Amino acid sequence: MNKAIVLAIVSVFILLIPLGVSIQTIKADSNEPVVLGGGVTVYSPVNTTYSTSCLNLNVTFNAGAGVRDSLNYSIDGKYGGPITLAFNDTPSFHMFSLETGLVPLPELSNGSHRLTVYVEGDLNDYHGANPPGAPFKETAPGSADYVASWVDTVDFTIDSSGGTIDSAPPIIVNLSIENQTYNTTEIPLNFTVDKSISQGAYSLDGKGNVTIVGNSTLTDLSVGAHNVTVYAWDDAGNVGASQTVNFTVVNASTATVQMSEPFPTALVIAAFVASVVAVVLTILVYVKWIKR
């Protein structure tokens, strides 16, 4: 893609970044995902009470084209490390790329806790018509390099004294995609889970997880062999995986659909018609010969 076009798209993206404060505390009152600043959505932990002391930090991140990002976290003020992100590689250009991060948290004690997520975005060698909007700032006066940062916190509670701790992963069954050949590039991806989940995702051909909120559809599939695995996270942070399904996509215009019939009726009818025609022709020839 032309460099000028890419810079123009990046300029629009940056100018659309919210101008609000870059440090905030998020309070959630349910198990719903929490949207933080800088393009981060947290699926676990959120501001609720968990019955297990072992949780996963489960996030998605909308990475902007042309911006180099880094994500880190801390628990109760103690630095935990970087949040490694996996993305779904696509052949076409996108202004945003959805990435997924999953980090096992250290075992937590009963009581209140605070998760802090740090996001830093670097925009280097920027020469757009307008300077990037806040919270991006020049790294030095007159510099073409810009940096922005977001710090967001989520409060939650651990109470593992109230009975059995849920450590069972979700069970995923009834996948709609089967080990067979499809003559379409769009295949519904439906499935059933045995418990309430906070997030779902699928991995196509071993690539990074694509976050979904429920049943979905695989689109723009290339002709050839594929495989897909579905993942689900429950409210306690347990993750379950489906069986990996292998399937094949063929060109619909050249696909041969074979109909299963108990008996070759069409062939029998054709043979019968041919026999009748032959008999009629034989009779006509015989009658004509008699008249002579």
C-alpha atoms as a PDB file:
ATOM      1  CA  MET A   1       0.000   0.000   0.000  1.00  0.00           C
ATOM      2  CA  ASN A   2       1.221   3.528  -0.792  1.00  0.00           C
ATOM      3  CA  LYS A   3       3.045   5.055   2.186  1.00  0.00           C
ATOM      4  CA  ALA A   4       1.087   8.312   1.896  1.00  0.00           C
ATOM      5  CA  ILE A   5      -2.219   6.429   2.137  1.00  0.00           C
ATOM      6  CA  VAL A   6      -1.023   4.530   5.206  1.00  0.00           C
ATOM      7  CA  LEU A   7       0.061   7.777   6.890  1.00  0.00           C
ATOM      8  CA  ALA A   8      -3.317   9.336   6.105  1.00  0.00           C
ATOM      9  CA  ILE A   9      -5.157   6.400   7.673  1.00  0.00           C
ATOM     10  CA  VAL A  10      -2.901   6.506  10.737  1.00  0.00           C
ATOM     11  CA  SER A  11      -3.560  10.246  11.042  1.00  0.00           C
ATOM     12  CA  VAL A  12      -7.311   9.697  11.108  1.00  0.00           C
ATOM     13  CA  PHE A  13      -6.918   6.918  13.686  1.00  0.00           C
ATOM     14  CA  ILE A  14      -4.817   9.065  15.988  1.00  0.00           C
ATOM     15  CA  LEU A  15      -7.097  12.089  15.734  1.00  0.00           C
ATOM     16  CA  LEU A  16     -10.045   9.911  16.739  1.00  0.00           C
ATOM     17  CA  ILE A  17      -8.389   8.833  20.011  1.00  0.00           C
ATOM     18  CA  PRO A  18     -10.454  10.123  22.964  1.00  0.00           C
ATOM     19  CA  LEU A  19      -9.161  13.306  24.522  1.00  0.00           C
ATOM     20  CA  GLY A  20     -10.130  12.334  28.073  1.00  0.00           C
ATOM     21  CA  VAL A  21      -7.838  11.685  31.016  1.00  0.00           C
ATOM     22  CA  SER A  22      -5.219   9.006  30.549  1.00  0.00           C
ATOM     23  CA  ILE A  23      -5.421   7.718  34.128  1.00  0.00           C
ATOM     24  CA  GLN A  24      -8.674   6.311  35.415  1.00  0.00           C
ATOM     25  CA  THR A  25     -10.132   3.690  37.719  1.00  0.00           C
ATOM     26  CA  ILE A  26     -12.758   1.379  36.252  1.00  0.00           C
ATOM     27  CA  LYS A  27     -15.567   0.087  38.445  1.00  0.00           C
ATOM     28  CA  ALA A  28     -17.669  -2.738  37.071  1.00  0.00           C
ATOM     29  CA  ASP A  29     -20.699  -4.072  38.915  1.00  0.00           C
ATOM     30  CA  SER A  30     -21.093  -7.379  37.082  1.00  0.00           C
ATOM     31  CA  ASN A  31     -19.200 -10.037  35.196  1.00  0.00           C
ATOM     32  CA  GLU A  32     -19.445  -8.026  31.981  1.00  0.00           C
ATOM     33  CA  PRO A  33     -16.144  -7.218  30.196  1.00  0.00           C
ATOM     34  CA  VAL A  34     -14.558  -3.914  31.182  1.00  0.00           C
ATOM     35  CA  VAL A  35     -13.410  -1.488  28.474  1.00  0.00           C
ATOM     36  CA  LEU A  36     -10.234   0.377  29.443  1.00  0.00           C
ATOM     37  CA  GLY A  37      -8.377   3.228  27.784  1.00  0.00           C
ATOM     38  CA  GLY A  38      -5.971   2.694  24.918  1.00  0.00           C
ATOM     39  CA  GLY A  39      -8.043  -0.029  23.249  1.00  0.00           C
ATOM     40  CA  VAL A  40      -7.932  -2.680  26.021  1.00  0.00           C
ATOM     41  CA  THR A  41     -10.930  -4.796  27.068  1.00  0.00           C
ATOM     42  CA  VAL A  42     -10.603  -6.942  30.212  1.00  0.00           C
ATOM     43  CA  TYR A  43     -12.632 -10.162  30.436  1.00  0.00           C
ATOM     44  CA  SER A  44     -11.016 -11.378  33.655  1.00  0.00           C
ATOM     45  CA  PRO A  45     -10.651 -10.234  36.345  1.00  0.00           C
ATOM     46  CA  VAL A  46     -13.464  -7.667  36.507  1.00  0.00           C
ATOM     47  CA  ASN A  47     -14.939  -5.903  39.523  1.00  0.00           C
ATOM     48  CA  THR A  48     -16.734  -8.844  41.085  1.00  0.00           C
ATOM     49  CA  THR A  49     -16.092 -11.557  43.690  1.00  0.00           C
ATOM     50  CA  TYR A  50     -14.359 -14.759  42.628  1.00  0.00           C
ATOM     51  CA  SER A  51     -14.513 -18.048  44.508  1.00  0.00           C
ATOM     52  CA  THR A  52     -11.070 -19.130  43.336  1.00  0.00           C
ATOM     53  CA  SER A  53      -7.633 -17.774  44.118  1.00  0.00           C
ATOM     54  CA  CYS A  54      -6.252 -18.739  40.700  1.00  0.00           C
ATOM     55  CA  LEU A  55      -7.318 -16.403  37.897  1.00  0.00           C
ATOM     56  CA  ASN A  56      -6.188 -15.608  34.381  1.00  0.00           C
ATOM     57  CA  LEU A  57      -5.635 -12.096  33.123  1.00  0.00           C
ATOM     58  CA  ASN A  58      -7.702 -12.263  29.944  1.00  0.00           C
ATOM     59  CA  VAL A  59      -7.702  -9.220  27.636  1.00  0.00           C
ATOM     60  CA  THR A  60      -8.189  -8.171  24.050  1.00  0.00           C
ATOM     61  CA  PHE A  61      -6.450  -5.208  22.464  1.00  0.00           C
ATOM     62  CA  ASN A  62      -7.282  -3.121  19.387  1.00  0.00           C
ATOM     63  CA  ALA A  63      -3.887  -2.299  17.907  1.00  0.00           C
ATOM     64  CA  GLY A  64      -3.842   0.744  15.620  1.00  0.00           C
ATOM     65  CA  ALA A  65      -2.024   0.592  12.301  1.00  0.00           C
ATOM     66  CA  GLY A  66       1.387   2.260  12.432  1.00  0.00           C
ATOM     67  CA  VAL A  67       1.484   2.460  16.249  1.00  0.00           C
ATOM     68  CA  ARG A  68       3.932   0.325  18.209  1.00  0.00           C
ATOM     69  CA  ASP A  69       2.318  -0.731  21.492  1.00  0.00           C
ATOM     70  CA  SER A  70       3.402  -2.395  24.710  1.00  0.00           C
ATOM     71  CA  LEU A  71       1.135  -3.716  27.491  1.00  0.00           C
ATOM     72  CA  ASN A  72       2.130  -4.482  31.081  1.00  0.00           C
ATOM     73  CA  TYR A  73       0.269  -5.163  34.305  1.00  0.00           C
ATOM     74  CA  SER A  74       0.598  -5.181  38.087  1.00  0.00           C
ATOM     75  CA  ILE A  75      -1.435  -6.709  40.913  1.00  0.00           C
ATOM     76  CA  ASP A  76      -1.781  -4.720  44.138  1.00  0.00           C
ATOM     77  CA  GLY A  77       1.092  -2.475  43.084  1.00  0.00           C
ATOM     78  CA  LYS A  78       3.480  -5.360  42.379  1.00  0.00           C
ATOM     79  CA  TYR A  79       4.704  -5.460  38.789  1.00  0.00           C
ATOM     80  CA  GLY A  80       3.599  -8.633  37.037  1.00  0.00           C
ATOM     81  CA  GLY A  81       5.305  -8.296  33.655  1.00  0.00           C
ATOM     82  CA  PRO A  82       4.306  -7.795  30.029  1.00  0.00           C
ATOM     83  CA  ILE A  83       1.050  -8.987  28.525  1.00  0.00           C
ATOM     84  CA  THR A  84       1.992 -11.084  25.515  1.00  0.00           C
ATOM     85  CA  LEU A  85      -0.442 -10.636  22.656  1.00  0.00           C
ATOM     86  CA  ALA A  86      -1.368 -12.977  19.822  1.00  0.00           C
ATOM     87  CA  PHE A  87      -3.095 -11.702  16.711  1.00  0.00           C
ATOM     88  CA  ASN A  88      -5.003 -13.252  13.858  1.00  0.00           C
ATOM     89  CA  ASP A  89      -2.895 -12.748  10.742  1.00  0.00           C
ATOM     90  CA  THR A  90      -4.974 -11.527   7.789  1.00  0.00           C
ATOM     91  CA  PRO A  91      -3.759 -10.883   4.227  1.00  0.00           C
ATOM     92  CA  SER A  92      -5.528  -7.526   3.845  1.00  0.00           C
ATOM     93  CA  PHE A  93      -4.826  -4.171   5.511  1.00  0.00           C
ATOM     94  CA  HIS A  94      -6.906  -3.181   8.547  1.00  0.00           C
ATOM     95  CA  MET A  95      -6.845   0.094  10.494  1.00  0.00           C
ATOM     96  CA  PHE A  96      -7.271  -1.958  13.693  1.00  0.00           C
ATOM     97  CA  SER A  97      -6.012  -5.428  14.508  1.00  0.00           C
ATOM     98  CA  LEU A  98      -7.720  -7.350  17.324  1.00  0.00           C
ATOM     99  CA  GLU A  99      -5.164  -9.112  19.513  1.00  0.00           C
ATOM    100  CA  THR A 100      -5.670 -11.453  22.479  1.00  0.00           C
ATOM    101  CA  GLY A 101      -3.661 -11.741  25.692  1.00  0.00           C
ATOM    102  CA  LEU A 102      -3.897 -14.495  28.318  1.00  0.00           C
ATOM    103  CA  VAL A 103      -1.621 -14.442  31.383  1.00  0.00           C
ATOM    104  CA  PRO A 104      -1.956 -16.739  34.452  1.00  0.00           C
ATOM    105  CA  LEU A 105      -1.989 -14.546  37.559  1.00  0.00           C
ATOM    106  CA  PRO A 106      -0.155 -15.568  40.751  1.00  0.00           C
ATOM    107  CA  GLU A 107      -2.257 -17.235  43.433  1.00  0.00           C
ATOM    108  CA  LEU A 108      -4.183 -14.524  45.240  1.00  0.00           C
ATOM    109  CA  SER A 109      -5.219 -14.308  48.885  1.00  0.00           C
ATOM    110  CA  ASN A 110      -8.769 -13.729  50.099  1.00  0.00           C
ATOM    111  CA  GLY A 111      -9.740 -10.084  50.125  1.00  0.00           C
ATOM    112  CA  SER A 112      -9.691  -7.061  47.830  1.00  0.00           C
ATOM    113  CA  HIS A 113      -7.234  -6.731  44.963  1.00  0.00           C
ATOM    114  CA  ARG A 114      -6.422  -4.225  42.267  1.00  0.00           C
ATOM    115  CA  LEU A 115      -5.353  -4.952  38.707  1.00  0.00           C
ATOM    116  CA  THR A 116      -3.479  -2.174  36.901  1.00  0.00           C
ATOM    117  CA  VAL A 117      -2.951  -2.264  33.143  1.00  0.00           C
ATOM    118  CA  TYR A 118      -0.328  -0.042  31.502  1.00  0.00           C
ATOM    119  CA  VAL A 119      -0.459   0.724  27.774  1.00  0.00           C
ATOM    120  CA  GLU A 120       2.193   2.681  25.893  1.00  0.00           C
ATOM    121  CA  GLY A 121       1.923   3.606  22.228  1.00  0.00           C
ATOM    122  CA  ASP A 122       4.854   4.858  20.157  1.00  0.00           C
ATOM    123  CA  LEU A 123       4.360   6.621  16.823  1.00  0.00           C
ATOM    124  CA  ASN A 124       7.718   7.087  15.148  1.00  0.00           C
ATOM    125  CA  ASP A 125       8.700   9.225  12.157  1.00  0.00           C
ATOM    126  CA  TYR A 126       5.232  10.753  11.823  1.00  0.00           C
ATOM    127  CA  HIS A 127       4.891  13.399   9.102  1.00  0.00           C
ATOM    128  CA  GLY A 128       1.142  13.803   8.779  1.00  0.00           C
ATOM    129  CA  ALA A 129      -0.530  17.084   7.875  1.00  0.00           C
ATOM    130  CA  ASN A 130      -1.752  17.543  11.459  1.00  0.00           C
ATOM    131  CA  PRO A 131      -0.002  16.579  14.695  1.00  0.00           C
ATOM    132  CA  PRO A 132      -1.392  13.546  16.541  1.00  0.00           C
ATOM    133  CA  GLY A 133      -4.115  14.335  19.035  1.00  0.00           C
ATOM    134  CA  ALA A 134      -3.872  13.953  22.801  1.00  0.00           C
ATOM    135  CA  PRO A 135      -2.751  11.988  24.690  1.00  0.00           C
ATOM    136  CA  PHE A 136       0.101  11.663  22.130  1.00  0.00           C
ATOM    137  CA  LYS A 137       2.993  14.037  22.850  1.00  0.00           C
ATOM    138  CA  GLU A 138       6.309  14.775  21.152  1.00  0.00           C
ATOM    139  CA  THR A 139       9.237  12.936  22.664  1.00  0.00           C
ATOM    140  CA  ALA A 140      11.222  16.174  22.170  1.00  0.00           C
ATOM    141  CA  PRO A 141      10.403  19.649  20.788  1.00  0.00           C
ATOM    142  CA  GLY A 142      10.144  19.461  17.000  1.00  0.00           C
ATOM    143  CA  SER A 143      10.490  15.687  16.963  1.00  0.00           C
ATOM    144  CA  ALA A 144       8.560  13.455  14.545  1.00  0.00           C
ATOM    145  CA  ASP A 145       8.313  10.776  17.257  1.00  0.00           C
ATOM    146  CA  TYR A 146       5.295  10.713  19.581  1.00  0.00           C
ATOM    147  CA  VAL A 147       4.345   8.709  22.659  1.00  0.00           C
ATOM    148  CA  ALA A 148       1.108   8.167  24.604  1.00  0.00           C
ATOM    149  CA  SER A 149       0.315   6.172  27.723  1.00  0.00           C
ATOM    150  CA  TRP A 150      -2.754   4.915  29.559  1.00  0.00           C
ATOM    151  CA  VAL A 151      -2.997   3.568  33.123  1.00  0.00           C
ATOM    152  CA  ASP A 152      -6.244   1.834  34.119  1.00  0.00           C
ATOM    153  CA  THR A 153      -7.199  -0.084  37.254  1.00  0.00           C
ATOM    154  CA  VAL A 154      -9.867  -2.685  37.988  1.00  0.00           C
ATOM    155  CA  ASP A 155     -10.832  -3.669  41.542  1.00  0.00           C
ATOM    156  CA  PHE A 156     -12.007  -7.196  42.382  1.00  0.00           C
ATOM    157  CA  THR A 157     -12.347  -9.540  45.355  1.00  0.00           C
ATOM    158  CA  ILE A 158     -11.301 -13.101  46.161  1.00  0.00           C
ATOM    159  CA  ASP A 159     -13.431 -15.153  48.558  1.00  0.00           C
ATOM    160  CA  SER A 160     -12.500 -18.835  48.419  1.00  0.00           C
ATOM    161  CA  SER A 161     -13.875 -19.666  51.884  1.00  0.00           C
ATOM    162  CA  GLY A 162     -17.502 -20.040  50.878  1.00  0.00           C
ATOM    163  CA  GLY A 163     -17.463 -23.614  49.640  1.00  0.00           C
ATOM    164  CA  THR A 164     -16.073 -25.533  46.722  1.00  0.00           C
ATOM    165  CA  ILE A 165     -13.760 -23.656  44.390  1.00  0.00           C
ATOM    166  CA  ASP A 166     -14.766 -23.889  40.754  1.00  0.00           C
ATOM    167  CA  SER A 167     -11.750 -25.310  38.973  1.00  0.00           C
ATOM    168  CA  ALA A 168     -13.571 -27.205  36.216  1.00  0.00           C
ATOM    169  CA  PRO A 169     -12.968 -25.845  32.707  1.00  0.00           C
ATOM    170  CA  PRO A 170     -15.943 -25.237  30.410  1.00  0.00           C
ATOM    171  CA  ILE A 171     -16.853 -28.183  28.181  1.00  0.00           C
ATOM    172  CA  ILE A 172     -17.459 -27.305  24.531  1.00  0.00           C
ATOM    173  CA  VAL A 173     -19.607 -29.668  22.464  1.00  0.00           C
ATOM    174  CA  ASN A 174     -21.888 -29.756  19.421  1.00  0.00           C
ATOM    175  CA  LEU A 175     -19.544 -27.965  17.030  1.00  0.00           C
ATOM    176  CA  SER A 176     -21.394 -27.226  13.807  1.00  0.00           C
ATOM    177  CA  ILE A 177     -18.239 -27.631  11.723  1.00  0.00           C
ATOM    178  CA  GLU A 178     -17.426 -31.267  11.019  1.00  0.00           C
ATOM    179  CA  ASN A 179     -14.616 -33.267   9.478  1.00  0.00           C
ATOM    180  CA  GLN A 180     -15.911 -33.037   5.923  1.00  0.00           C
ATOM    181  CA  THR A 181     -15.642 -31.113   2.653  1.00  0.00           C
ATOM    182  CA  TYR A 182     -17.498 -27.811   2.170  1.00  0.00           C
ATOM    183  CA  ASN A 183     -18.122 -26.074  -1.153  1.00  0.00           C
ATOM    184  CA  THR A 184     -18.505 -22.631   0.406  1.00  0.00           C
ATOM    185  CA  THR A 185     -16.055 -20.085   1.830  1.00  0.00           C
ATOM    186  CA  GLU A 186     -18.430 -19.089   4.664  1.00  0.00           C
ATOM    187  CA  ILE A 187     -19.211 -21.726   7.295  1.00  0.00           C
ATOM    188  CA  PRO A 188     -21.289 -21.141  10.470  1.00  0.00           C
ATOM    189  CA  LEU A 189     -19.362 -21.825  13.683  1.00  0.00           C
ATOM    190  CA  ASN A 190     -21.928 -22.819  16.319  1.00  0.00           C
ATOM    191  CA  PHE A 191     -21.242 -24.613  19.586  1.00  0.00           C
ATOM    192  CA  THR A 192     -22.631 -25.382  23.051  1.00  0.00           C
ATOM    193  CA  VAL A 193     -20.972 -24.817  26.443  1.00  0.00           C
ATOM    194  CA  ASP A 194     -22.001 -26.558  29.667  1.00  0.00           C
ATOM    195  CA  LYS A 195     -21.741 -23.404  31.834  1.00  0.00           C
ATOM    196  CA  SER A 196     -21.838 -19.642  31.713  1.00  0.00           C
ATOM    197  CA  ILE A 197     -18.736 -18.168  30.070  1.00  0.00           C
ATOM    198  CA  SER A 198     -17.167 -14.730  30.123  1.00  0.00           C
ATOM    199  CA  GLN A 199     -15.464 -15.007  26.752  1.00  0.00           C
ATOM    200  CA  GLY A 200     -15.142 -17.251  23.722  1.00  0.00           C
ATOM    201  CA  ALA A 201     -12.569 -17.475  20.957  1.00  0.00           C
ATOM    202  CA  TYR A 202     -11.494 -19.650  18.064  1.00  0.00           C
ATOM    203  CA  SER A 203      -8.172 -20.410  16.419  1.00  0.00           C
ATOM    204  CA  LEU A 204      -8.192 -21.097  12.682  1.00  0.00           C
ATOM    205  CA  ASP A 205      -5.280 -23.060  11.229  1.00  0.00           C
ATOM    206  CA  GLY A 206      -3.226 -22.595  14.405  1.00  0.00           C
ATOM    207  CA  LYS A 207      -3.210 -18.799  14.201  1.00  0.00           C
ATOM    208  CA  GLY A 208      -3.926 -16.393  17.053  1.00  0.00           C
ATOM    209  CA  ASN A 209      -7.253 -16.508  18.846  1.00  0.00           C
ATOM    210  CA  VAL A 210     -10.151 -14.514  17.418  1.00  0.00           C
ATOM    211  CA  THR A 211     -12.475 -13.330  20.178  1.00  0.00           C
ATOM    212  CA  ILE A 212     -16.195 -14.044  19.762  1.00  0.00           C
ATOM    213  CA  VAL A 213     -19.196 -13.440  22.030  1.00  0.00           C
ATOM    214  CA  GLY A 214     -21.076 -16.555  20.928  1.00  0.00           C
ATOM    215  CA  ASN A 215     -21.878 -18.368  17.711  1.00  0.00           C
ATOM    216  CA  SER A 216     -20.010 -16.936  14.759  1.00  0.00           C
ATOM    217  CA  THR A 217     -19.181 -17.569  11.087  1.00  0.00           C
ATOM    218  CA  LEU A 218     -15.865 -18.360   9.440  1.00  0.00           C
ATOM    219  CA  THR A 219     -15.581 -16.135   6.369  1.00  0.00           C
ATOM    220  CA  ASP A 220     -13.208 -15.671   3.430  1.00  0.00           C
ATOM    221  CA  LEU A 221     -11.892 -19.215   3.747  1.00  0.00           C
ATOM    222  CA  SER A 222      -9.348 -20.187   1.129  1.00  0.00           C
ATOM    223  CA  VAL A 223      -9.665 -23.359  -0.913  1.00  0.00           C
ATOM    224  CA  GLY A 224      -7.787 -26.194   0.776  1.00  0.00           C
ATOM    225  CA  ALA A 225      -7.403 -27.924   4.124  1.00  0.00           C
ATOM    226  CA  HIS A 226      -8.210 -26.108   7.403  1.00  0.00           C
ATOM    227  CA  ASN A 227      -8.607 -26.800  11.106  1.00  0.00           C
ATOM    228  CA  VAL A 228     -10.403 -24.925  13.879  1.00  0.00           C
ATOM    229  CA  THR A 229     -10.398 -25.063  17.683  1.00  0.00           C
ATOM    230  CA  VAL A 230     -12.872 -23.232  19.944  1.00  0.00           C
ATOM    231  CA  TYR A 231     -11.957 -21.925  23.423  1.00  0.00           C
ATOM    232  CA  ALA A 232     -14.152 -20.679  26.286  1.00  0.00           C
ATOM    233  CA  TRP A 233     -13.385 -18.974  29.607  1.00  0.00           C
ATOM    234  CA  ASP A 234     -15.722 -19.103  32.613  1.00  0.00           C
ATOM    235  CA  ASP A 235     -16.129 -16.469  35.315  1.00  0.00           C
ATOM    236  CA  ALA A 236     -13.495 -18.155  37.503  1.00  0.00           C
ATOM    237  CA  GLY A 237     -10.881 -17.902  34.777  1.00  0.00           C
ATOM    238  CA  ASN A 238     -10.918 -21.576  33.804  1.00  0.00           C
ATOM    239  CA  VAL A 239     -10.386 -22.172  30.101  1.00  0.00           C
ATOM    240  CA  GLY A 240     -11.767 -25.067  28.076  1.00  0.00           C
ATOM    241  CA  ALA A 241     -10.965 -26.146  24.527  1.00  0.00           C
ATOM    242  CA  SER A 242     -12.956 -28.107  21.995  1.00  0.00           C
ATOM    243  CA  GLN A 243     -11.578 -30.885  19.870  1.00  0.00           C
ATOM    244  CA  THR A 244      -9.699 -29.625  16.834  1.00  0.00           C
ATOM    245  CA  VAL A 245     -11.814 -30.193  13.726  1.00  0.00           C
ATOM    246  CA  ASN A 246     -10.161 -30.706  10.342  1.00  0.00           C
ATOM    247  CA  PHE A 247     -12.144 -29.785   7.258  1.00  0.00           C
ATOM    248  CA  THR A 248     -11.631 -28.935   3.592  1.00  0.00           C
ATOM    249  CA  VAL A 249     -12.976 -26.141   1.389  1.00  0.00           C
ATOM    250  CA  VAL A 250     -13.324 -26.750  -2.347  1.00  0.00           C
ATOM    251  CA  ASN A 251     -14.223 -24.474  -5.231  1.00  0.00           C
ATOM    252  CA  ALA A 252     -18.016 -24.346  -5.414  1.00  0.00           C
ATOM    253  CA  SER A 253     -17.996 -24.031  -9.213  1.00  0.00           C
ATOM    254  CA  THR A 254     -16.112 -27.293  -9.663  1.00  0.00           C
ATOM    255  CA  ALA A 255     -17.499 -29.221  -6.709  1.00  0.00           C
ATOM    256  CA  THR A 256     -19.344 -32.416  -7.596  1.00  0.00           C
ATOM    257  CA  VAL A 257     -22.326 -33.110  -5.413  1.00  0.00           C
ATOM    258  CA  GLN A 258     -23.156 -36.801  -5.442  1.00  0.00           C
ATOM    259  CA  MET A 259     -26.737 -37.708  -4.610  1.00  0.00           C
ATOM    260  CA  SER A 260     -27.181 -41.017  -2.862  1.00  0.00           C
ATOM    261  CA  GLU A 261     -29.936 -43.113  -4.486  1.00  0.00           C
ATOM    262  CA  PRO A 262     -31.051 -46.633  -3.510  1.00  0.00           C
ATOM    263  CA  PHE A 263     -31.301 -47.586  -7.202  1.00  0.00           C
ATOM    264  CA  PRO A 264     -30.079 -45.923 -10.460  1.00  0.00           C
ATOM    265  CA  THR A 265     -33.587 -44.853 -11.519  1.00  0.00           C
ATOM    266  CA  ALA A 266     -32.426 -42.384 -14.146  1.00  0.00           C
ATOM    267  CA  LEU A 267     -30.341 -45.004 -15.918  1.00  0.00           C
ATOM    268  CA  VAL A 268     -33.203 -47.515 -15.900  1.00  0.00           C
ATOM    269  CA  ILE A 269     -35.620 -44.972 -17.389  1.00  0.00           C
ATOM    270  CA  ALA A 270     -33.142 -44.027 -20.099  1.00  0.00           C
ATOM    271  CA  ALA A 271     -32.553 -47.669 -20.989  1.00  0.00           C
ATOM    272  CA  PHE A 272     -36.313 -48.313 -21.086  1.00  0.00           C
ATOM    273  CA  VAL A 273     -36.940 -45.366 -23.427  1.00  0.00           C
ATOM    274  CA  ALA A 274     -34.118 -46.512 -25.701  1.00  0.00           C
ATOM    275  CA  SER A 275     -35.587 -50.022 -25.836  1.00  0.00           C
ATOM    276  CA  VAL A 276     -39.070 -48.696 -26.728  1.00  0.00           C
ATOM    277  CA  VAL A 277     -37.640 -46.554 -29.505  1.00  0.00           C
ATOM    278  CA  ALA A 278     -35.714 -49.501 -30.887  1.00  0.00           C
ATOM    279  CA  VAL A 279     -38.831 -51.714 -30.879  1.00  0.00           C
ATOM    280  CA  VAL A 280     -40.941 -49.044 -32.622  1.00  0.00           C
ATOM    281  CA  LEU A 281     -38.304 -48.542 -35.299  1.00  0.00           C
ATOM    282  CA  THR A 282     -38.088 -52.282 -35.869  1.00  0.00           C
ATOM    283  CA  ILE A 283     -41.885 -52.546 -36.300  1.00  0.00           C
ATOM    284  CA  LEU A 284     -41.978 -49.638 -38.749  1.00  0.00           C
ATOM    285  CA  VAL A 285     -39.235 -51.190 -40.864  1.00  0.00           C
ATOM    286  CA  TYR A 286     -41.011 -54.564 -40.844  1.00  0.00           C
ATOM    287  CA  VAL A 287     -44.381 -53.053 -41.877  1.00  0.00           C
ATOM    288  CA  LYS A 288     -42.755 -51.135 -44.685  1.00  0.00           C
ATOM    289  CA  TRP A 289     -41.031 -54.286 -45.922  1.00  0.00           C
ATOM    290  CA  ILE A 290     -44.386 -56.255 -45.883  1.00  0.00           C
ATOM    291  CA  LYS A 291     -46.118 -53.577 -47.986  1.00  0.00           C
ATOM    292  CA  ARG A 292     -43.431 -53.949 -50.610  1.00  0.00           C
END
